[in-house]
């Protein structure tokens, strides 16, 4: 049984990564951009954030759409668990700063920052929503403090992003 529990997180990592542009083990590109947390401006520098511990960097298509709002609320409800596991959560979309300031309060419930994914960031992480150029697809990365991608989940259905990324963060502690 113990062997099965050890292999389960590994199988989750491998199956999710098969669809991702950045594979598990890749160096995560640095992100420097603006965003908001609790409605207040936030300057994101991914390298600086990683000094504090692992980062769950999740890309979502568009603020205030049903799936993106539900996903943000799910992440906000799980923030105590992410903090306990030593990780930060940062949401990213191509929305402008005024939209993200409002979204950070209403959907994210001021629990974590959201930032603007610039065209360079979208390209570096290869998260462009092919059916809607100019938007990101729904992809979640877990990045360890060394800046390496340890988990990827890319699926337009938001439902499993929180659960799977939390399991991946917890697996880092083992």
N, C-alpha and C. Protein backbone atom coordinates (compact mmCIF):
# COMPACT_ATOMS: atom_id res chain seq x y z
N UNK A 1 0.82 -1.19 0.00
CA UNK A 1 0.00 0.00 0.00
C UNK A 1 0.86 1.25 0.00
N UNK A 2 1.95 1.26 0.81
CA UNK A 2 2.85 2.42 0.89
C UNK A 2 3.46 2.71 -0.48
N UNK A 3 3.84 1.66 -1.20
CA UNK A 3 4.42 1.83 -2.52
C UNK A 3 3.41 2.49 -3.47
N UNK A 4 2.14 2.10 -3.38
CA UNK A 4 1.09 2.68 -4.21
C UNK A 4 0.93 4.17 -3.90
N UNK A 5 0.98 4.55 -2.63
CA UNK A 5 0.84 5.95 -2.25
C UNK A 5 2.00 6.80 -2.77
N UNK A 6 3.18 6.22 -2.84
CA UNK A 6 4.34 6.95 -3.37
C UNK A 6 4.23 7.09 -4.88
N UNK A 7 3.76 6.06 -5.55
CA UNK A 7 3.67 6.08 -7.01
C UNK A 7 2.50 6.93 -7.51
N UNK A 8 1.45 7.08 -6.72
CA UNK A 8 0.29 7.85 -7.16
C UNK A 8 0.64 9.29 -7.52
N UNK A 9 1.34 10.06 -6.65
CA UNK A 9 1.69 11.43 -7.06
C UNK A 9 2.57 11.45 -8.30
N UNK A 10 3.48 10.49 -8.43
CA UNK A 10 4.33 10.44 -9.61
C UNK A 10 3.51 10.20 -10.87
N UNK A 11 2.53 9.31 -10.80
CA UNK A 11 1.70 9.05 -11.98
C UNK A 11 0.87 10.27 -12.32
N UNK A 12 0.43 11.03 -11.31
CA UNK A 12 -0.33 12.25 -11.57
C UNK A 12 0.54 13.25 -12.32
N UNK A 13 1.78 13.36 -11.90
CA UNK A 13 2.69 14.30 -12.55
C UNK A 13 2.94 13.92 -14.00
N UNK A 14 3.16 12.65 -14.24
CA UNK A 14 3.47 12.21 -15.59
C UNK A 14 2.27 12.33 -16.52
N UNK A 15 1.10 11.95 -16.06
CA UNK A 15 -0.06 12.00 -16.95
C UNK A 15 -0.45 13.43 -17.27
N UNK A 16 -0.35 14.34 -16.31
CA UNK A 16 -0.72 15.73 -16.55
C UNK A 16 0.29 16.42 -17.45
N UNK A 17 1.54 16.08 -17.30
CA UNK A 17 2.59 16.77 -18.04
C UNK A 17 2.58 16.42 -19.53
N UNK A 18 1.98 15.32 -19.88
CA UNK A 18 2.00 14.89 -21.27
C UNK A 18 1.36 15.92 -22.21
N UNK A 19 0.45 16.75 -21.69
CA UNK A 19 -0.26 17.71 -22.52
C UNK A 19 0.34 19.11 -22.43
N UNK A 20 1.34 19.31 -21.60
CA UNK A 20 1.84 20.66 -21.33
C UNK A 20 2.97 21.06 -22.24
N UNK A 21 3.05 22.36 -22.44
CA UNK A 21 4.14 22.91 -23.25
C UNK A 21 5.45 22.85 -22.48
N UNK A 22 5.42 23.23 -21.22
CA UNK A 22 6.63 23.14 -20.39
C UNK A 22 6.58 21.81 -19.63
N UNK A 23 7.50 20.94 -19.92
CA UNK A 23 7.45 19.64 -19.26
C UNK A 23 7.96 19.71 -17.82
N UNK A 24 7.58 18.72 -17.04
CA UNK A 24 8.11 18.59 -15.69
C UNK A 24 9.64 18.53 -15.80
N UNK A 25 10.30 19.30 -14.96
CA UNK A 25 11.76 19.37 -14.97
C UNK A 25 12.31 20.58 -15.69
N UNK A 26 11.49 21.24 -16.51
CA UNK A 26 11.94 22.42 -17.24
C UNK A 26 12.12 23.60 -16.29
N UNK A 27 13.00 24.50 -16.66
CA UNK A 27 13.16 25.74 -15.91
C UNK A 27 12.00 26.65 -16.26
N UNK A 28 11.34 27.17 -15.25
CA UNK A 28 10.23 28.10 -15.49
C UNK A 28 10.79 29.45 -15.90
N UNK A 29 10.25 30.03 -16.95
CA UNK A 29 10.69 31.38 -17.35
C UNK A 29 10.36 32.37 -16.24
N UNK A 30 11.21 33.37 -16.06
CA UNK A 30 10.89 34.39 -15.07
C UNK A 30 9.75 35.26 -15.60
N UNK A 31 8.89 35.69 -14.72
CA UNK A 31 7.77 36.54 -15.06
C UNK A 31 7.95 37.83 -14.27
N UNK A 32 7.92 38.95 -14.97
CA UNK A 32 7.92 40.25 -14.31
C UNK A 32 6.76 41.04 -14.93
N UNK A 33 5.77 41.36 -14.09
CA UNK A 33 4.57 42.03 -14.58
C UNK A 33 3.85 42.69 -13.41
N UNK A 34 2.71 43.27 -13.70
CA UNK A 34 1.89 43.88 -12.66
C UNK A 34 0.62 43.08 -12.46
N UNK A 35 0.05 43.26 -11.30
CA UNK A 35 -1.19 42.58 -10.98
C UNK A 35 -1.82 43.24 -9.78
N UNK A 36 -2.65 42.47 -9.08
CA UNK A 36 -3.33 43.01 -7.91
C UNK A 36 -3.59 41.90 -6.90
N UNK A 37 -3.63 42.31 -5.65
CA UNK A 37 -4.06 41.43 -4.57
C UNK A 37 -4.90 42.30 -3.64
N UNK A 38 -6.11 41.84 -3.38
CA UNK A 38 -7.02 42.63 -2.56
C UNK A 38 -7.32 44.00 -3.15
N UNK A 39 -7.29 44.10 -4.47
CA UNK A 39 -7.58 45.35 -5.15
C UNK A 39 -6.41 46.32 -5.23
N UNK A 40 -5.32 45.99 -4.57
CA UNK A 40 -4.15 46.86 -4.57
C UNK A 40 -3.12 46.38 -5.58
N UNK A 41 -2.41 47.31 -6.22
CA UNK A 41 -1.39 46.91 -7.20
C UNK A 41 -0.34 45.99 -6.59
N UNK A 42 0.13 45.09 -7.40
CA UNK A 42 1.10 44.08 -6.98
C UNK A 42 2.12 43.94 -8.10
N UNK A 43 3.39 43.94 -7.78
CA UNK A 43 4.45 43.74 -8.77
C UNK A 43 4.92 42.30 -8.65
N UNK A 44 4.77 41.56 -9.71
CA UNK A 44 5.17 40.15 -9.71
C UNK A 44 6.53 39.98 -10.36
N UNK A 45 7.44 39.40 -9.60
CA UNK A 45 8.72 38.93 -10.11
C UNK A 45 8.81 37.49 -9.62
N UNK A 46 8.62 36.55 -10.53
CA UNK A 46 8.53 35.14 -10.14
C UNK A 46 9.77 34.68 -9.39
N UNK A 47 10.96 35.09 -9.82
CA UNK A 47 12.19 34.67 -9.13
C UNK A 47 12.16 35.10 -7.67
N UNK A 48 11.70 36.31 -7.40
CA UNK A 48 11.62 36.78 -6.02
C UNK A 48 10.60 35.99 -5.22
N UNK A 49 9.46 35.67 -5.83
CA UNK A 49 8.43 34.90 -5.13
C UNK A 49 8.92 33.50 -4.79
N UNK A 50 9.73 32.92 -5.66
CA UNK A 50 10.23 31.56 -5.42
C UNK A 50 11.18 31.48 -4.23
N UNK A 51 11.76 32.59 -3.83
CA UNK A 51 12.63 32.60 -2.64
C UNK A 51 11.83 32.26 -1.39
N UNK A 52 10.53 32.51 -1.43
CA UNK A 52 9.66 32.24 -0.29
C UNK A 52 9.17 30.79 -0.27
N UNK A 53 9.31 30.09 -1.40
CA UNK A 53 8.84 28.71 -1.48
C UNK A 53 8.20 28.44 -2.82
N UNK A 54 7.64 27.25 -2.98
CA UNK A 54 7.03 26.88 -4.26
C UNK A 54 5.87 27.81 -4.64
N UNK A 55 5.67 27.92 -5.93
CA UNK A 55 4.59 28.76 -6.46
C UNK A 55 3.68 27.93 -7.34
N UNK A 56 2.38 28.08 -7.11
CA UNK A 56 1.37 27.53 -8.01
C UNK A 56 1.00 28.69 -8.93
N UNK A 57 1.42 28.59 -10.17
CA UNK A 57 1.15 29.63 -11.17
C UNK A 57 0.07 29.08 -12.09
N UNK A 58 -1.11 29.66 -11.96
CA UNK A 58 -2.20 29.13 -12.79
C UNK A 58 -2.69 30.20 -13.76
N UNK A 59 -2.82 29.78 -15.00
CA UNK A 59 -3.30 30.65 -16.08
C UNK A 59 -4.78 30.38 -16.30
N UNK A 60 -5.55 31.45 -16.46
CA UNK A 60 -6.98 31.31 -16.70
C UNK A 60 -7.37 32.22 -17.86
N UNK A 61 -8.38 31.83 -18.64
CA UNK A 61 -8.71 32.57 -19.86
C UNK A 61 -9.21 34.01 -19.67
N UNK A 62 -10.19 34.23 -18.81
CA UNK A 62 -10.80 35.57 -18.75
C UNK A 62 -11.50 35.79 -17.42
N UNK A 63 -11.12 36.88 -16.75
CA UNK A 63 -11.75 37.24 -15.49
C UNK A 63 -13.25 37.42 -15.66
N UNK A 64 -13.96 37.05 -14.63
CA UNK A 64 -15.42 37.21 -14.53
C UNK A 64 -16.22 36.31 -15.46
N UNK A 65 -15.58 35.34 -16.11
CA UNK A 65 -16.36 34.31 -16.80
C UNK A 65 -16.67 33.23 -15.77
N UNK A 66 -17.66 32.43 -16.03
CA UNK A 66 -18.13 31.47 -15.02
C UNK A 66 -17.02 30.54 -14.52
N UNK A 67 -16.34 29.84 -15.44
CA UNK A 67 -15.31 28.89 -15.03
C UNK A 67 -14.15 29.55 -14.30
N UNK A 68 -13.74 30.71 -14.77
CA UNK A 68 -12.61 31.41 -14.15
C UNK A 68 -12.96 31.94 -12.77
N UNK A 69 -14.19 32.40 -12.60
CA UNK A 69 -14.64 32.87 -11.29
C UNK A 69 -14.73 31.69 -10.31
N UNK A 70 -15.29 30.57 -10.76
CA UNK A 70 -15.39 29.40 -9.89
C UNK A 70 -14.01 28.86 -9.53
N UNK A 71 -13.08 28.88 -10.47
CA UNK A 71 -11.72 28.42 -10.20
C UNK A 71 -11.04 29.32 -9.18
N UNK A 72 -11.17 30.64 -9.35
CA UNK A 72 -10.57 31.59 -8.40
C UNK A 72 -11.14 31.39 -7.01
N UNK A 73 -12.43 31.19 -6.91
CA UNK A 73 -13.06 30.96 -5.60
C UNK A 73 -12.55 29.66 -4.98
N UNK A 74 -12.39 28.63 -5.80
CA UNK A 74 -11.87 27.36 -5.29
C UNK A 74 -10.45 27.52 -4.76
N UNK A 75 -9.61 28.26 -5.49
CA UNK A 75 -8.25 28.51 -5.00
C UNK A 75 -8.31 29.31 -3.70
N UNK A 76 -9.18 30.32 -3.63
CA UNK A 76 -9.25 31.13 -2.41
C UNK A 76 -9.68 30.29 -1.21
N UNK A 77 -10.61 29.38 -1.42
CA UNK A 77 -11.06 28.51 -0.33
C UNK A 77 -9.98 27.54 0.13
N UNK A 78 -9.02 27.23 -0.73
CA UNK A 78 -7.95 26.29 -0.40
C UNK A 78 -6.66 26.98 0.05
N UNK A 79 -6.67 28.30 0.19
CA UNK A 79 -5.43 29.01 0.50
C UNK A 79 -4.80 28.57 1.82
N UNK A 80 -5.57 28.27 2.83
CA UNK A 80 -4.99 27.80 4.09
C UNK A 80 -4.20 26.51 3.88
N UNK A 81 -4.73 25.64 3.04
CA UNK A 81 -4.03 24.37 2.74
C UNK A 81 -2.75 24.63 1.96
N UNK A 82 -2.80 25.54 0.98
CA UNK A 82 -1.59 25.86 0.23
C UNK A 82 -0.54 26.48 1.14
N UNK A 83 -0.94 27.40 2.01
CA UNK A 83 0.01 28.03 2.94
C UNK A 83 0.62 26.98 3.87
N UNK A 84 -0.22 26.09 4.38
CA UNK A 84 0.27 25.03 5.27
C UNK A 84 1.31 24.16 4.56
N UNK A 85 1.12 23.96 3.27
CA UNK A 85 2.07 23.18 2.46
C UNK A 85 3.27 24.01 2.03
N UNK A 86 3.27 25.31 2.37
CA UNK A 86 4.41 26.17 2.07
C UNK A 86 4.40 26.82 0.71
N UNK A 87 3.26 26.83 0.05
CA UNK A 87 3.20 27.35 -1.33
C UNK A 87 2.37 28.63 -1.43
N UNK A 88 2.67 29.39 -2.46
CA UNK A 88 1.90 30.56 -2.82
C UNK A 88 1.12 30.24 -4.09
N UNK A 89 0.02 30.93 -4.28
CA UNK A 89 -0.78 30.80 -5.50
C UNK A 89 -0.80 32.15 -6.20
N UNK A 90 -0.58 32.13 -7.50
CA UNK A 90 -0.66 33.34 -8.31
C UNK A 90 -1.44 33.00 -9.57
N UNK A 91 -2.52 33.74 -9.81
CA UNK A 91 -3.30 33.56 -11.03
C UNK A 91 -2.83 34.51 -12.10
N UNK A 92 -2.94 34.10 -13.36
CA UNK A 92 -2.52 34.95 -14.47
C UNK A 92 -3.48 34.85 -15.65
N UNK A 93 -3.79 36.00 -16.24
CA UNK A 93 -4.57 36.06 -17.46
C UNK A 93 -4.12 37.27 -18.26
N UNK A 94 -4.65 37.40 -19.45
CA UNK A 94 -4.28 38.56 -20.28
C UNK A 94 -5.17 39.77 -20.00
N UNK A 95 -6.01 39.68 -18.97
CA UNK A 95 -6.85 40.82 -18.60
C UNK A 95 -5.99 42.01 -18.18
N UNK A 96 -6.56 43.21 -18.33
CA UNK A 96 -5.83 44.42 -17.95
C UNK A 96 -5.87 44.61 -16.43
N UNK A 97 -5.03 45.52 -15.93
CA UNK A 97 -4.89 45.73 -14.50
C UNK A 97 -6.19 46.19 -13.83
N UNK A 98 -6.95 47.13 -14.39
CA UNK A 98 -8.21 47.50 -13.72
C UNK A 98 -9.16 46.31 -13.54
N UNK A 99 -9.24 45.45 -14.53
CA UNK A 99 -10.09 44.25 -14.42
C UNK A 99 -9.57 43.32 -13.34
N UNK A 100 -8.25 43.11 -13.30
CA UNK A 100 -7.67 42.21 -12.31
C UNK A 100 -7.78 42.77 -10.89
N UNK A 101 -7.72 44.08 -10.75
CA UNK A 101 -7.88 44.68 -9.41
C UNK A 101 -9.26 44.31 -8.85
N UNK A 102 -10.28 44.44 -9.68
CA UNK A 102 -11.65 44.10 -9.27
C UNK A 102 -11.80 42.59 -9.05
N UNK A 103 -11.23 41.78 -9.96
CA UNK A 103 -11.31 40.32 -9.87
C UNK A 103 -10.60 39.82 -8.61
N UNK A 104 -9.49 40.48 -8.24
CA UNK A 104 -8.72 40.04 -7.06
C UNK A 104 -9.55 40.15 -5.78
N UNK A 105 -10.47 41.09 -5.74
CA UNK A 105 -11.33 41.27 -4.57
C UNK A 105 -12.56 40.37 -4.68
N UNK A 106 -13.26 40.46 -5.80
CA UNK A 106 -14.55 39.78 -5.93
C UNK A 106 -14.45 38.27 -6.10
N UNK A 107 -13.59 37.80 -6.97
CA UNK A 107 -13.50 36.36 -7.23
C UNK A 107 -12.42 35.69 -6.38
N UNK A 108 -11.28 36.35 -6.24
CA UNK A 108 -10.17 35.77 -5.48
C UNK A 108 -10.31 36.02 -3.99
N UNK A 109 -11.27 36.88 -3.64
CA UNK A 109 -11.57 37.18 -2.23
C UNK A 109 -10.35 37.69 -1.47
N UNK A 110 -9.49 38.42 -2.19
CA UNK A 110 -8.28 39.02 -1.61
C UNK A 110 -7.32 37.99 -1.00
N UNK A 111 -7.45 36.73 -1.39
CA UNK A 111 -6.67 35.65 -0.79
C UNK A 111 -5.33 35.41 -1.49
N UNK A 112 -5.21 35.82 -2.74
CA UNK A 112 -3.97 35.60 -3.49
C UNK A 112 -3.94 36.60 -4.65
N UNK A 113 -2.75 36.86 -5.19
CA UNK A 113 -2.64 37.82 -6.29
C UNK A 113 -2.98 37.22 -7.65
N UNK A 114 -3.42 38.11 -8.52
CA UNK A 114 -3.60 37.79 -9.93
C UNK A 114 -2.80 38.82 -10.72
N UNK A 115 -2.21 38.40 -11.82
CA UNK A 115 -1.33 39.28 -12.57
C UNK A 115 -1.60 39.18 -14.07
N UNK A 116 -1.17 40.21 -14.77
CA UNK A 116 -1.35 40.26 -16.21
C UNK A 116 -0.29 39.42 -16.91
N UNK A 117 -0.73 38.48 -17.72
CA UNK A 117 0.17 37.67 -18.54
C UNK A 117 0.44 38.46 -19.82
N UNK A 118 1.64 38.95 -19.95
CA UNK A 118 2.03 39.69 -21.14
C UNK A 118 2.15 38.72 -22.31
N UNK A 119 2.17 39.25 -23.53
CA UNK A 119 2.39 38.36 -24.68
C UNK A 119 3.67 37.53 -24.54
N UNK A 120 4.72 38.12 -23.97
CA UNK A 120 5.98 37.37 -23.79
C UNK A 120 5.80 36.22 -22.80
N UNK A 121 5.03 36.45 -21.74
CA UNK A 121 4.77 35.39 -20.76
C UNK A 121 3.92 34.29 -21.36
N UNK A 122 2.89 34.67 -22.09
CA UNK A 122 2.02 33.69 -22.75
C UNK A 122 2.86 32.80 -23.68
N UNK A 123 3.74 33.42 -24.41
CA UNK A 123 4.60 32.65 -25.34
C UNK A 123 5.59 31.78 -24.57
N UNK A 124 6.24 32.33 -23.54
CA UNK A 124 7.25 31.58 -22.79
C UNK A 124 6.66 30.34 -22.13
N UNK A 125 5.43 30.44 -21.64
CA UNK A 125 4.78 29.30 -21.00
C UNK A 125 3.92 28.51 -21.99
N UNK A 126 3.84 28.99 -23.23
CA UNK A 126 3.05 28.36 -24.29
C UNK A 126 1.63 28.05 -23.82
N UNK A 127 0.95 29.10 -23.36
CA UNK A 127 -0.40 28.95 -22.84
C UNK A 127 -1.43 29.73 -23.64
N UNK A 128 -1.11 30.06 -24.88
CA UNK A 128 -2.10 30.78 -25.68
C UNK A 128 -3.29 29.86 -25.97
N UNK A 129 -4.47 30.40 -25.77
CA UNK A 129 -5.70 29.68 -26.04
C UNK A 129 -5.87 29.68 -27.55
N UNK A 130 -5.63 28.55 -28.17
CA UNK A 130 -5.61 28.45 -29.63
C UNK A 130 -6.94 28.87 -30.27
N UNK A 131 -8.05 28.59 -29.59
CA UNK A 131 -9.36 28.95 -30.15
C UNK A 131 -9.67 30.44 -29.97
N UNK A 132 -8.95 31.10 -29.08
CA UNK A 132 -9.17 32.51 -28.80
C UNK A 132 -7.83 33.21 -28.62
N UNK A 133 -7.11 33.48 -29.72
CA UNK A 133 -5.82 34.17 -29.60
C UNK A 133 -5.98 35.46 -28.80
N UNK A 134 -4.95 35.75 -28.00
CA UNK A 134 -5.00 36.91 -27.12
C UNK A 134 -5.44 36.56 -25.71
N UNK A 135 -5.88 35.32 -25.51
CA UNK A 135 -6.25 34.83 -24.18
C UNK A 135 -5.36 33.64 -23.83
N UNK A 136 -5.31 33.30 -22.56
CA UNK A 136 -4.56 32.11 -22.16
C UNK A 136 -5.51 30.93 -22.04
N UNK A 137 -4.95 29.74 -22.15
CA UNK A 137 -5.77 28.56 -21.86
C UNK A 137 -5.73 28.36 -20.34
N UNK A 138 -6.31 27.30 -19.86
CA UNK A 138 -6.33 27.03 -18.41
C UNK A 138 -5.25 25.99 -18.13
N UNK A 139 -4.12 26.46 -17.65
CA UNK A 139 -2.98 25.59 -17.33
C UNK A 139 -2.43 25.98 -15.97
N UNK A 140 -2.18 25.00 -15.15
CA UNK A 140 -1.62 25.22 -13.81
C UNK A 140 -0.25 24.57 -13.74
N UNK A 141 0.72 25.36 -13.27
CA UNK A 141 2.09 24.88 -13.05
C UNK A 141 2.40 24.95 -11.56
N UNK A 142 3.08 23.94 -11.04
CA UNK A 142 3.69 24.02 -9.72
C UNK A 142 5.18 24.14 -9.98
N UNK A 143 5.77 25.19 -9.41
CA UNK A 143 7.19 25.49 -9.63
C UNK A 143 7.88 25.45 -8.28
N UNK A 144 8.93 24.64 -8.17
CA UNK A 144 9.63 24.54 -6.88
C UNK A 144 10.53 25.75 -6.68
N UNK A 145 11.07 25.89 -5.49
CA UNK A 145 11.85 27.09 -5.17
C UNK A 145 13.13 27.20 -5.99
N UNK A 146 13.56 26.13 -6.64
CA UNK A 146 14.72 26.21 -7.55
C UNK A 146 14.33 26.73 -8.92
N UNK A 147 13.01 26.91 -9.14
CA UNK A 147 12.54 27.41 -10.42
C UNK A 147 12.24 26.32 -11.43
N UNK A 148 12.12 25.11 -10.99
CA UNK A 148 11.83 23.98 -11.87
C UNK A 148 10.34 23.62 -11.83
N UNK A 149 9.79 23.32 -12.98
CA UNK A 149 8.41 22.88 -13.07
C UNK A 149 8.34 21.46 -12.52
N UNK A 150 7.48 21.26 -11.52
CA UNK A 150 7.34 19.93 -10.92
C UNK A 150 5.98 19.29 -11.22
N UNK A 151 5.07 20.09 -11.73
CA UNK A 151 3.73 19.59 -12.03
C UNK A 151 3.07 20.50 -13.05
N UNK A 152 2.29 19.91 -13.95
CA UNK A 152 1.53 20.68 -14.94
C UNK A 152 0.17 20.02 -15.11
N UNK A 153 -0.86 20.84 -15.14
CA UNK A 153 -2.21 20.34 -15.44
C UNK A 153 -2.84 21.33 -16.41
N UNK A 154 -3.15 20.87 -17.60
CA UNK A 154 -3.74 21.73 -18.62
C UNK A 154 -5.07 21.13 -19.04
N UNK A 155 -6.16 21.83 -18.67
CA UNK A 155 -7.50 21.34 -18.94
C UNK A 155 -8.45 22.53 -18.82
N UNK A 156 -9.28 22.75 -19.81
CA UNK A 156 -10.21 23.88 -19.75
C UNK A 156 -11.24 23.73 -18.64
N UNK A 157 -11.50 22.51 -18.20
CA UNK A 157 -12.39 22.31 -17.07
C UNK A 157 -11.62 22.66 -15.80
N UNK A 158 -12.08 23.66 -15.08
CA UNK A 158 -11.37 24.16 -13.91
C UNK A 158 -11.41 23.20 -12.71
N UNK A 159 -12.31 22.26 -12.70
CA UNK A 159 -12.67 21.51 -11.51
C UNK A 159 -11.51 20.83 -10.78
N UNK A 160 -10.50 20.33 -11.48
CA UNK A 160 -9.45 19.57 -10.81
C UNK A 160 -8.14 20.34 -10.60
N UNK A 161 -8.07 21.57 -11.06
CA UNK A 161 -6.81 22.32 -10.96
C UNK A 161 -6.37 22.51 -9.50
N UNK A 162 -7.28 22.89 -8.64
CA UNK A 162 -6.92 23.15 -7.25
C UNK A 162 -6.49 21.86 -6.57
N UNK A 163 -7.30 20.84 -6.66
CA UNK A 163 -7.03 19.56 -6.01
C UNK A 163 -5.70 18.97 -6.48
N UNK A 164 -5.48 18.96 -7.77
CA UNK A 164 -4.25 18.35 -8.31
C UNK A 164 -3.01 19.17 -7.98
N UNK A 165 -3.12 20.49 -8.03
CA UNK A 165 -1.94 21.30 -7.72
C UNK A 165 -1.61 21.22 -6.24
N UNK A 166 -2.62 21.15 -5.38
CA UNK A 166 -2.36 21.00 -3.94
C UNK A 166 -1.68 19.67 -3.66
N UNK A 167 -2.12 18.61 -4.31
CA UNK A 167 -1.46 17.30 -4.14
C UNK A 167 -0.01 17.37 -4.60
N UNK A 168 0.25 18.08 -5.68
CA UNK A 168 1.62 18.20 -6.18
C UNK A 168 2.49 19.00 -5.21
N UNK A 169 1.94 20.05 -4.62
CA UNK A 169 2.69 20.84 -3.64
C UNK A 169 3.00 19.98 -2.42
N UNK A 170 2.02 19.24 -1.97
CA UNK A 170 2.24 18.38 -0.81
C UNK A 170 3.30 17.32 -1.11
N UNK A 171 3.34 16.83 -2.33
CA UNK A 171 4.34 15.82 -2.72
C UNK A 171 5.75 16.40 -2.67
N UNK A 172 5.89 17.70 -2.85
CA UNK A 172 7.21 18.33 -2.76
C UNK A 172 7.81 18.21 -1.36
N UNK A 173 6.98 18.21 -0.36
CA UNK A 173 7.45 18.14 1.03
C UNK A 173 7.95 16.75 1.40
N UNK A 174 7.54 15.74 0.63
CA UNK A 174 7.93 14.36 0.96
C UNK A 174 9.34 14.06 0.53
